[in-house]
Amino acid sequence: MKITVAKLPSVIAAAVLAVMTLAVFYILQDYGPASAIRRFHAALAKDDKAGELLVVDCPIGDPNLAFIINQIRPFVSRGIQPQVARMDRQPGSVRVAVVYTAQNHERYAIIWIVDKKGSLWKIDTKLTAAVLRNNLLQ
């Protein structure tokens, strides 16, 4: 393909626009409530405690966090990826319904509560654990 001098500004503009679009998507891939849940699962899969702390609102060793990890670890260890089924947004907080589909096609759903803390989204471990406990009792 031959680029003429007359077409050069258009090619440069298109290239700049493409780079800017990719940069925005790259930056935003780790932003938002669903991203916090995805990053939590990735950190759990790698046993990355520091990565877990980046997306939860409590310290390592918190009983609510331990409870959530004990419930989620079987999915993570079998490589089952969380899939967002629904998000209910409220000011500063989001309820995220996540579905885990096992190889035998059994499905499990967990409601995650994710709050905006400043500019970061963090999993509310106390409320998420409470919802999870409540669902297990039913």
Protein backbone atom coordinates (compact mmCIF):
# COMPACT_ATOMS: atom_id res chain seq x y z
CA MET A 1 0.00 0.00 0.00
CA LYS A 2 1.45 3.31 -1.04
CA ILE A 3 0.78 6.32 1.18
CA THR A 4 0.85 9.66 -0.57
CA VAL A 5 1.82 12.92 1.09
CA ALA A 6 -1.79 14.08 0.84
CA LYS A 7 -3.03 11.03 2.77
CA LEU A 8 -0.31 11.18 5.43
CA PRO A 9 -2.25 13.41 7.92
CA SER A 10 -5.25 11.04 7.73
CA VAL A 11 -3.05 7.99 8.35
CA ILE A 12 -1.35 9.68 11.31
CA ALA A 13 -4.71 10.73 12.77
CA ALA A 14 -6.07 7.18 12.38
CA ALA A 15 -2.97 5.71 14.03
CA VAL A 16 -3.17 8.16 16.96
CA LEU A 17 -6.87 7.41 17.42
CA ALA A 18 -6.19 3.66 17.39
CA VAL A 19 -3.42 3.99 19.99
CA MET A 20 -5.59 6.18 22.21
CA THR A 21 -8.51 3.72 22.00
CA LEU A 22 -6.29 0.77 22.92
CA ALA A 23 -4.74 2.74 25.77
CA VAL A 24 -8.16 3.60 27.23
CA PHE A 25 -9.29 -0.04 27.09
CA TYR A 26 -6.00 -1.18 28.62
CA ILE A 27 -6.30 1.29 31.48
CA LEU A 28 -9.98 0.54 32.15
CA GLN A 29 -9.57 -3.25 32.10
CA ASP A 30 -8.71 -3.10 35.80
CA TYR A 31 -11.38 -0.61 36.78
CA GLY A 32 -14.90 -1.26 37.96
CA PRO A 33 -16.74 -3.63 40.28
CA ALA A 34 -16.54 -6.65 37.96
CA SER A 35 -12.81 -6.07 37.57
CA ALA A 36 -12.34 -6.15 41.35
CA ILE A 37 -13.99 -9.57 41.45
CA ARG A 38 -11.94 -10.83 38.48
CA ARG A 39 -8.71 -9.58 40.07
CA PHE A 40 -9.65 -11.22 43.39
CA HIS A 41 -10.10 -14.58 41.66
CA ALA A 42 -6.80 -14.15 39.78
CA ALA A 43 -4.95 -13.33 43.01
CA LEU A 44 -6.56 -16.30 44.75
CA ALA A 45 -5.50 -18.60 41.90
CA LYS A 46 -1.89 -17.43 42.29
CA ASP A 47 -2.05 -17.41 46.11
CA ASP A 48 -1.15 -13.72 45.87
CA LYS A 49 -2.10 -12.23 49.23
CA ALA A 50 -0.95 -8.74 48.19
CA GLY A 51 -3.17 -8.95 45.10
CA GLU A 52 -6.12 -9.99 47.26
CA LEU A 53 -5.58 -7.02 49.57
CA LEU A 54 -5.78 -4.61 46.64
CA VAL A 55 -9.44 -5.49 46.02
CA VAL A 56 -10.89 -6.24 49.47
CA ASP A 57 -11.82 -3.87 52.28
CA CYS A 58 -10.22 -5.85 55.11
CA PRO A 59 -6.87 -7.28 56.20
CA ILE A 60 -5.67 -10.82 55.47
CA GLY A 61 -6.87 -13.05 58.29
CA ASP A 62 -10.27 -11.38 58.55
CA PRO A 63 -12.83 -14.14 59.27
CA ASN A 64 -15.21 -12.90 56.56
CA LEU A 65 -12.44 -12.96 53.97
CA ALA A 66 -11.39 -16.45 55.10
CA PHE A 67 -15.00 -17.63 54.75
CA ILE A 68 -15.29 -16.21 51.22
CA ILE A 69 -11.97 -17.75 50.20
CA ASN A 70 -13.03 -21.16 51.55
CA GLN A 71 -16.22 -21.00 49.47
CA ILE A 72 -14.53 -19.75 46.28
CA ARG A 73 -11.31 -21.78 46.35
CA PRO A 74 -12.94 -24.99 44.97
CA PHE A 75 -14.09 -23.07 41.88
CA VAL A 76 -10.72 -21.40 41.42
CA SER A 77 -8.74 -24.62 41.92
CA ARG A 78 -10.81 -26.33 39.19
CA GLY A 79 -10.26 -23.41 36.84
CA ILE A 80 -13.92 -22.36 36.81
CA GLN A 81 -14.09 -18.75 35.64
CA PRO A 82 -16.58 -16.35 37.23
CA GLN A 83 -19.12 -14.93 34.81
CA VAL A 84 -21.01 -11.76 35.64
CA ALA A 85 -24.72 -12.43 35.20
CA ARG A 86 -26.11 -9.16 36.54
CA MET A 87 -25.09 -5.94 38.24
CA ASP A 88 -27.43 -3.84 40.37
CA ARG A 89 -25.93 -0.40 40.84
CA GLN A 90 -26.61 1.92 43.74
CA PRO A 91 -24.66 5.09 44.55
CA GLY A 92 -21.17 3.96 45.56
CA SER A 93 -22.08 0.26 45.72
CA VAL A 94 -22.85 -2.54 43.31
CA ARG A 95 -24.36 -5.99 43.83
CA VAL A 96 -22.77 -8.32 41.30
CA ALA A 97 -24.37 -11.70 40.58
CA VAL A 98 -21.60 -14.07 39.51
CA VAL A 99 -22.26 -17.52 38.07
CA TYR A 100 -19.79 -20.40 38.19
CA THR A 101 -20.46 -23.20 35.72
CA ALA A 102 -18.80 -26.54 36.48
CA GLN A 103 -17.70 -29.02 33.82
CA ASN A 104 -20.80 -31.12 34.52
CA HIS A 105 -22.85 -27.98 33.73
CA GLU A 106 -23.95 -27.47 37.32
CA ARG A 107 -24.24 -23.76 38.06
CA TYR A 108 -23.56 -21.92 41.27
CA ALA A 109 -24.37 -18.26 41.86
CA ILE A 110 -22.80 -15.90 44.35
CA ILE A 111 -23.75 -12.29 45.03
CA TRP A 112 -20.72 -10.07 45.57
CA ILE A 113 -21.06 -6.62 47.15
CA VAL A 114 -18.48 -4.18 45.78
CA ASP A 115 -18.13 -0.62 47.08
CA LYS A 116 -16.34 2.37 45.65
CA LYS A 117 -13.66 3.53 48.09
CA GLY A 118 -12.31 6.78 46.71
CA SER A 119 -11.33 5.93 43.16
CA LEU A 120 -11.03 2.17 43.82
CA TRP A 121 -13.62 -0.61 43.81
CA LYS A 122 -13.26 -2.98 46.76
CA ILE A 123 -15.14 -6.13 47.71
CA ASP A 124 -17.17 -5.57 50.87
CA THR A 125 -16.17 -8.78 52.62
CA LYS A 126 -18.57 -8.39 55.55
CA LEU A 127 -21.68 -8.00 53.37
CA THR A 128 -20.54 -10.50 50.73
CA ALA A 129 -19.90 -13.11 53.44
CA ALA A 130 -23.29 -12.37 55.05
CA VAL A 131 -25.13 -12.83 51.74
CA LEU A 132 -23.16 -16.00 51.03
CA ARG A 133 -23.89 -17.43 54.49
CA ASN A 134 -27.57 -16.61 54.09
CA ASN A 135 -27.72 -18.36 50.71
CA LEU A 136 -25.97 -21.45 52.06
CA LEU A 137 -28.57 -21.76 54.84
CA GLN A 138 -31.46 -21.85 52.35
